[in-house]
Amino acid sequence: MKIGLYFGSFNPIHHGHLIIANHILNEEWVERVWFIVSPQNPFKESASLLNENHRYHLVNLAIEGDIRMKASDIEFTLPRPSYTAITLAHLTEKYPQHEFAIIMGGDSFQNIHRWKNASYILENYEILVYNRPCFDISVDSTSKVKVLEAPLLEISATHIRRLIKERKSVKYLLPDNVIEEIEKGGYYRK
């Protein structure tokens, strides 16, 4: 089975993430999408992150009932910070029956040369890059990188966290059950 691995902090997961995953599934670029919740991204400040178990729980709530999607906490057991190359090697060994592709935005792809073992990733895994405004992606025809046209929604987790902190509405930005859990847990208020 071809699995699309959607790596991220998901701090919190929002409709933008879900629409991209759904679009990639609908276009049949992959058969399933696994949301890989990263406990510590080497390029992001960890102080602003909600606890990884809470973020993993929010992803599970967001995709509840959609059997095409799965939340994964695989990086919780791997060395930190989380490096995509290590996670890919681990998943490939654990699930040899699956073919893995990476899902990422054009903004992340612009930085892939800075990733640990980037050449290994680029040579061994298909990368599905969805366009983001202001990030032109050009790849040669022999590359394993596919640039996808996908719905563009300018939804920012940073903006969502700010709205929550300011006690403003995040309705329509997040699934209702995720909003309820955030309110119940008092997440992002401090």
C-alpha atoms as a PDB file:
ATOM      1  CA  MET A   1       0.000   0.000   0.000  1.00  0.00           C
ATOM      2  CA  LYS A   2       1.232   3.504  -0.762  1.00  0.00           C
ATOM      3  CA  ILE A   3       1.228   5.646   2.379  1.00  0.00           C
ATOM      4  CA  GLY A   4       1.624   9.417   2.391  1.00  0.00           C
ATOM      5  CA  LEU A   5       3.522  10.558   5.462  1.00  0.00           C
ATOM      6  CA  TYR A   6       2.437  14.013   6.548  1.00  0.00           C
ATOM      7  CA  PHE A   7       5.022  15.183   9.090  1.00  0.00           C
ATOM      8  CA  GLY A   8       4.309  18.096  11.370  1.00  0.00           C
ATOM      9  CA  SER A   9       4.000  19.571  14.811  1.00  0.00           C
ATOM     10  CA  PHE A  10       0.235  19.883  14.316  1.00  0.00           C
ATOM     11  CA  ASN A  11       0.208  22.545  17.007  1.00  0.00           C
ATOM     12  CA  PRO A  12      -2.788  22.342  16.600  1.00  0.00           C
ATOM     13  CA  ILE A  13      -4.031  20.362  13.601  1.00  0.00           C
ATOM     14  CA  HIS A  14      -6.432  22.507  11.569  1.00  0.00           C
ATOM     15  CA  HIS A  15      -8.664  22.392   8.502  1.00  0.00           C
ATOM     16  CA  GLY A  16      -5.766  23.380   6.226  1.00  0.00           C
ATOM     17  CA  HIS A  17      -3.916  20.156   7.129  1.00  0.00           C
ATOM     18  CA  LEU A  18      -7.049  18.060   6.729  1.00  0.00           C
ATOM     19  CA  ILE A  19      -8.014  19.559   3.365  1.00  0.00           C
ATOM     20  CA  ILE A  20      -4.539  18.872   1.940  1.00  0.00           C
ATOM     21  CA  ALA A  21      -4.621  15.253   3.196  1.00  0.00           C
ATOM     22  CA  ASN A  22      -8.132  14.721   1.827  1.00  0.00           C
ATOM     23  CA  HIS A  23      -7.186  16.231  -1.543  1.00  0.00           C
ATOM     24  CA  ILE A  24      -4.127  13.993  -1.872  1.00  0.00           C
ATOM     25  CA  LEU A  25      -6.279  10.949  -1.074  1.00  0.00           C
ATOM     26  CA  ASN A  26      -9.058  12.006  -3.461  1.00  0.00           C
ATOM     27  CA  GLU A  27      -6.562  12.472  -6.293  1.00  0.00           C
ATOM     28  CA  GLU A  28      -5.235   8.955  -5.477  1.00  0.00           C
ATOM     29  CA  TRP A  29      -1.609  10.019  -5.140  1.00  0.00           C
ATOM     30  CA  VAL A  30      -1.584   7.749  -2.063  1.00  0.00           C
ATOM     31  CA  GLU A  31      -3.977   5.202  -0.551  1.00  0.00           C
ATOM     32  CA  ARG A  32      -3.622   6.345   3.080  1.00  0.00           C
ATOM     33  CA  VAL A  33      -2.256   9.361   4.916  1.00  0.00           C
ATOM     34  CA  TRP A  34      -0.435   8.980   8.215  1.00  0.00           C
ATOM     35  CA  PHE A  35      -0.060  12.172  10.247  1.00  0.00           C
ATOM     36  CA  ILE A  36       3.380  11.851  11.862  1.00  0.00           C
ATOM     37  CA  VAL A  37       3.205  14.003  14.986  1.00  0.00           C
ATOM     38  CA  SER A  38       6.696  15.372  15.613  1.00  0.00           C
ATOM     39  CA  PRO A  39       7.528  15.811  19.291  1.00  0.00           C
ATOM     40  CA  GLN A  40      10.430  18.148  18.498  1.00  0.00           C
ATOM     41  CA  ASN A  41      11.135  19.592  15.066  1.00  0.00           C
ATOM     42  CA  PRO A  42      14.804  20.640  14.826  1.00  0.00           C
ATOM     43  CA  PHE A  43      13.768  23.850  13.028  1.00  0.00           C
ATOM     44  CA  LYS A  44      11.065  24.985  15.458  1.00  0.00           C
ATOM     45  CA  GLU A  45      11.109  26.451  18.948  1.00  0.00           C
ATOM     46  CA  SER A  46       9.867  23.716  21.291  1.00  0.00           C
ATOM     47  CA  ALA A  47       8.759  26.139  24.031  1.00  0.00           C
ATOM     48  CA  SER A  48       5.586  27.001  22.100  1.00  0.00           C
ATOM     49  CA  LEU A  49       4.610  23.360  21.570  1.00  0.00           C
ATOM     50  CA  LEU A  50       1.684  21.795  23.337  1.00  0.00           C
ATOM     51  CA  ASN A  51       2.628  18.475  24.941  1.00  0.00           C
ATOM     52  CA  GLU A  52       3.096  15.856  22.193  1.00  0.00           C
ATOM     53  CA  ASN A  53       0.522  13.474  23.668  1.00  0.00           C
ATOM     54  CA  HIS A  54      -2.110  16.219  23.626  1.00  0.00           C
ATOM     55  CA  ARG A  55      -1.251  17.097  20.007  1.00  0.00           C
ATOM     56  CA  TYR A  56      -1.425  13.409  19.044  1.00  0.00           C
ATOM     57  CA  HIS A  57      -4.835  13.163  20.743  1.00  0.00           C
ATOM     58  CA  LEU A  58      -6.070  16.246  18.840  1.00  0.00           C
ATOM     59  CA  VAL A  59      -4.976  14.679  15.522  1.00  0.00           C
ATOM     60  CA  ASN A  60      -6.866  11.501  16.421  1.00  0.00           C
ATOM     61  CA  LEU A  61      -9.967  13.568  17.195  1.00  0.00           C
ATOM     62  CA  ALA A  62      -9.650  15.520  13.928  1.00  0.00           C
ATOM     63  CA  ILE A  63      -9.533  12.392  11.745  1.00  0.00           C
ATOM     64  CA  GLU A  64     -12.017  10.346  13.774  1.00  0.00           C
ATOM     65  CA  GLY A  65     -14.105   8.128  11.519  1.00  0.00           C
ATOM     66  CA  ASP A  66     -11.929   8.526   8.382  1.00  0.00           C
ATOM     67  CA  ILE A  67     -10.290   5.138   7.854  1.00  0.00           C
ATOM     68  CA  ARG A  68      -8.048   6.584   5.123  1.00  0.00           C
ATOM     69  CA  MET A  69      -6.140   8.606   7.729  1.00  0.00           C
ATOM     70  CA  LYS A  70      -4.130   7.613  10.786  1.00  0.00           C
ATOM     71  CA  ALA A  71      -2.321   9.504  13.544  1.00  0.00           C
ATOM     72  CA  SER A  72       1.157   8.207  14.313  1.00  0.00           C
ATOM     73  CA  ASP A  73       3.258   8.736  17.419  1.00  0.00           C
ATOM     74  CA  ILE A  74       6.216   6.798  15.968  1.00  0.00           C
ATOM     75  CA  GLU A  75       8.609   9.709  16.577  1.00  0.00           C
ATOM     76  CA  PHE A  76       7.802   9.707  20.301  1.00  0.00           C
ATOM     77  CA  THR A  77      10.020   6.629  20.691  1.00  0.00           C
ATOM     78  CA  LEU A  78      12.855   7.827  18.447  1.00  0.00           C
ATOM     79  CA  PRO A  79      15.814  10.085  19.383  1.00  0.00           C
ATOM     80  CA  ARG A  80      15.124  13.818  19.606  1.00  0.00           C
ATOM     81  CA  PRO A  81      15.019  16.140  17.842  1.00  0.00           C
ATOM     82  CA  SER A  82      13.010  14.290  15.204  1.00  0.00           C
ATOM     83  CA  TYR A  83      14.783  13.790  11.889  1.00  0.00           C
ATOM     84  CA  THR A  84      12.708  12.691   8.918  1.00  0.00           C
ATOM     85  CA  ALA A  85      15.474  10.437   7.545  1.00  0.00           C
ATOM     86  CA  ILE A  86      15.600   8.433  10.786  1.00  0.00           C
ATOM     87  CA  THR A  87      11.821   8.124  10.930  1.00  0.00           C
ATOM     88  CA  LEU A  88      11.698   7.004   7.290  1.00  0.00           C
ATOM     89  CA  ALA A  89      14.360   4.345   7.859  1.00  0.00           C
ATOM     90  CA  HIS A  90      12.485   3.123  10.937  1.00  0.00           C
ATOM     91  CA  LEU A  91       9.111   2.975   9.141  1.00  0.00           C
ATOM     92  CA  THR A  92      10.593   1.293   6.059  1.00  0.00           C
ATOM     93  CA  GLU A  93      12.112  -1.422   8.257  1.00  0.00           C
ATOM     94  CA  LYS A  94       8.966  -1.847  10.374  1.00  0.00           C
ATOM     95  CA  TYR A  95       6.516  -1.873   7.428  1.00  0.00           C
ATOM     96  CA  PRO A  96       8.355  -3.402   4.429  1.00  0.00           C
ATOM     97  CA  GLN A  97       4.994  -4.141   2.776  1.00  0.00           C
ATOM     98  CA  HIS A  98       4.292  -0.415   2.304  1.00  0.00           C
ATOM     99  CA  GLU A  99       5.687   2.199  -0.036  1.00  0.00           C
ATOM    100  CA  PHE A 100       6.122   5.581   1.628  1.00  0.00           C
ATOM    101  CA  ALA A 101       5.879   9.060   0.141  1.00  0.00           C
ATOM    102  CA  ILE A 102       6.380  12.344   1.985  1.00  0.00           C
ATOM    103  CA  ILE A 103       3.753  15.099   1.893  1.00  0.00           C
ATOM    104  CA  MET A 104       4.986  18.653   2.387  1.00  0.00           C
ATOM    105  CA  GLY A 105       4.317  22.246   1.451  1.00  0.00           C
ATOM    106  CA  GLY A 106       6.485  24.234  -0.886  1.00  0.00           C
ATOM    107  CA  ASP A 107       7.754  26.281   2.066  1.00  0.00           C
ATOM    108  CA  SER A 108       9.182  23.153   3.737  1.00  0.00           C
ATOM    109  CA  PHE A 109      10.565  21.830   0.460  1.00  0.00           C
ATOM    110  CA  GLN A 110      12.561  25.056   0.008  1.00  0.00           C
ATOM    111  CA  ASN A 111      14.532  24.051   3.142  1.00  0.00           C
ATOM    112  CA  ILE A 112      15.008  20.350   2.382  1.00  0.00           C
ATOM    113  CA  HIS A 113      18.699  20.865   1.600  1.00  0.00           C
ATOM    114  CA  ARG A 114      19.136  21.757   5.309  1.00  0.00           C
ATOM    115  CA  TRP A 115      17.623  18.448   6.478  1.00  0.00           C
ATOM    116  CA  LYS A 116      19.714  15.658   7.946  1.00  0.00           C
ATOM    117  CA  ASN A 117      20.516  13.127   5.170  1.00  0.00           C
ATOM    118  CA  ALA A 118      18.555  15.124   2.577  1.00  0.00           C
ATOM    119  CA  SER A 119      20.190  13.326  -0.356  1.00  0.00           C
ATOM    120  CA  TYR A 120      19.094   9.934   1.075  1.00  0.00           C
ATOM    121  CA  ILE A 121      15.506  11.194   1.336  1.00  0.00           C
ATOM    122  CA  LEU A 122      15.485  12.708  -2.161  1.00  0.00           C
ATOM    123  CA  GLU A 123      16.973   9.577  -3.743  1.00  0.00           C
ATOM    124  CA  ASN A 124      14.791   6.998  -1.984  1.00  0.00           C
ATOM    125  CA  TYR A 125      11.359   8.505  -1.360  1.00  0.00           C
ATOM    126  CA  GLU A 126       8.758  10.181  -3.501  1.00  0.00           C
ATOM    127  CA  ILE A 127       7.992  13.675  -2.251  1.00  0.00           C
ATOM    128  CA  LEU A 128       4.562  15.152  -2.875  1.00  0.00           C
ATOM    129  CA  VAL A 129       4.899  18.927  -2.647  1.00  0.00           C
ATOM    130  CA  TYR A 130       1.784  21.049  -2.564  1.00  0.00           C
ATOM    131  CA  ASN A 131       2.170  24.607  -3.754  1.00  0.00           C
ATOM    132  CA  ARG A 132       2.198  27.436  -1.253  1.00  0.00           C
ATOM    133  CA  PRO A 133       2.029  31.129  -2.199  1.00  0.00           C
ATOM    134  CA  CYS A 134       5.417  32.792  -2.785  1.00  0.00           C
ATOM    135  CA  PHE A 135       7.330  29.493  -3.005  1.00  0.00           C
ATOM    136  CA  ASP A 136       8.193  28.540  -6.575  1.00  0.00           C
ATOM    137  CA  ILE A 137       9.154  24.898  -6.883  1.00  0.00           C
ATOM    138  CA  SER A 138      11.057  23.648  -9.895  1.00  0.00           C
ATOM    139  CA  VAL A 139      12.211  20.065 -10.267  1.00  0.00           C
ATOM    140  CA  ASP A 140      13.741  18.124 -13.119  1.00  0.00           C
ATOM    141  CA  SER A 141      11.838  15.324 -14.828  1.00  0.00           C
ATOM    142  CA  THR A 142      14.042  12.585 -13.318  1.00  0.00           C
ATOM    143  CA  SER A 143      13.316  13.696  -9.767  1.00  0.00           C
ATOM    144  CA  LYS A 144      11.117  11.751  -7.323  1.00  0.00           C
ATOM    145  CA  VAL A 145       9.542  15.101  -6.407  1.00  0.00           C
ATOM    146  CA  LYS A 146       6.015  15.725  -7.666  1.00  0.00           C
ATOM    147  CA  VAL A 147       4.590  19.223  -7.443  1.00  0.00           C
ATOM    148  CA  LEU A 148       0.843  19.053  -6.826  1.00  0.00           C
ATOM    149  CA  GLU A 149      -1.859  21.589  -7.331  1.00  0.00           C
ATOM    150  CA  ALA A 150      -3.870  21.541  -4.138  1.00  0.00           C
ATOM    151  CA  PRO A 151      -6.400  23.826  -2.474  1.00  0.00           C
ATOM    152  CA  LEU A 152      -4.616  26.755  -0.870  1.00  0.00           C
ATOM    153  CA  LEU A 153      -5.846  27.914   2.494  1.00  0.00           C
ATOM    154  CA  GLU A 154      -3.854  30.433   4.425  1.00  0.00           C
ATOM    155  CA  ILE A 155      -4.501  28.973   7.862  1.00  0.00           C
ATOM    156  CA  SER A 156      -1.673  29.317  10.331  1.00  0.00           C
ATOM    157  CA  ALA A 157      -1.342  27.344  13.562  1.00  0.00           C
ATOM    158  CA  THR A 158       0.517  30.356  15.007  1.00  0.00           C
ATOM    159  CA  HIS A 159      -2.483  32.564  14.241  1.00  0.00           C
ATOM    160  CA  ILE A 160      -4.860  29.971  15.732  1.00  0.00           C
ATOM    161  CA  ARG A 161      -2.816  29.806  18.954  1.00  0.00           C
ATOM    162  CA  ARG A 162      -2.873  33.616  19.191  1.00  0.00           C
ATOM    163  CA  LEU A 163      -6.656  33.690  18.743  1.00  0.00           C
ATOM    164  CA  ILE A 164      -7.101  31.064  21.462  1.00  0.00           C
ATOM    165  CA  LYS A 165      -4.805  32.964  23.824  1.00  0.00           C
ATOM    166  CA  GLU A 166      -6.828  36.125  23.187  1.00  0.00           C
ATOM    167  CA  ARG A 167     -10.056  34.145  23.761  1.00  0.00           C
ATOM    168  CA  LYS A 168     -11.314  34.821  20.249  1.00  0.00           C
ATOM    169  CA  SER A 169     -13.256  32.407  18.052  1.00  0.00           C
ATOM    170  CA  VAL A 170     -11.434  29.704  16.077  1.00  0.00           C
ATOM    171  CA  LYS A 171     -14.663  28.291  14.683  1.00  0.00           C
ATOM    172  CA  TYR A 172     -14.278  27.172  11.057  1.00  0.00           C
ATOM    173  CA  LEU A 173     -10.481  26.930  11.454  1.00  0.00           C
ATOM    174  CA  LEU A 174     -10.516  23.669  13.432  1.00  0.00           C
ATOM    175  CA  PRO A 175     -12.872  20.696  13.638  1.00  0.00           C
ATOM    176  CA  ASP A 176     -15.496  21.258  16.342  1.00  0.00           C
ATOM    177  CA  ASN A 177     -14.348  18.262  18.418  1.00  0.00           C
ATOM    178  CA  VAL A 178     -10.783  19.635  18.402  1.00  0.00           C
ATOM    179  CA  ILE A 179     -12.032  23.048  19.556  1.00  0.00           C
ATOM    180  CA  GLU A 180     -13.993  21.373  22.377  1.00  0.00           C
ATOM    181  CA  GLU A 181     -10.918  19.437  23.536  1.00  0.00           C
ATOM    182  CA  ILE A 182      -8.710  22.552  23.412  1.00  0.00           C
ATOM    183  CA  GLU A 183     -11.258  24.467  25.501  1.00  0.00           C
ATOM    184  CA  LYS A 184     -11.720  21.576  27.937  1.00  0.00           C
ATOM    185  CA  GLY A 185      -7.947  21.221  28.409  1.00  0.00           C
ATOM    186  CA  GLY A 186      -7.276  24.964  28.525  1.00  0.00           C
ATOM    187  CA  TYR A 187      -4.635  24.490  25.809  1.00  0.00           C
ATOM    188  CA  TYR A 188      -2.801  27.492  24.334  1.00  0.00           C
ATOM    189  CA  ARG A 189      -4.197  29.900  26.946  1.00  0.00           C
ATOM    190  CA  LYS A 190      -0.860  30.777  28.561  1.00  0.00           C
END
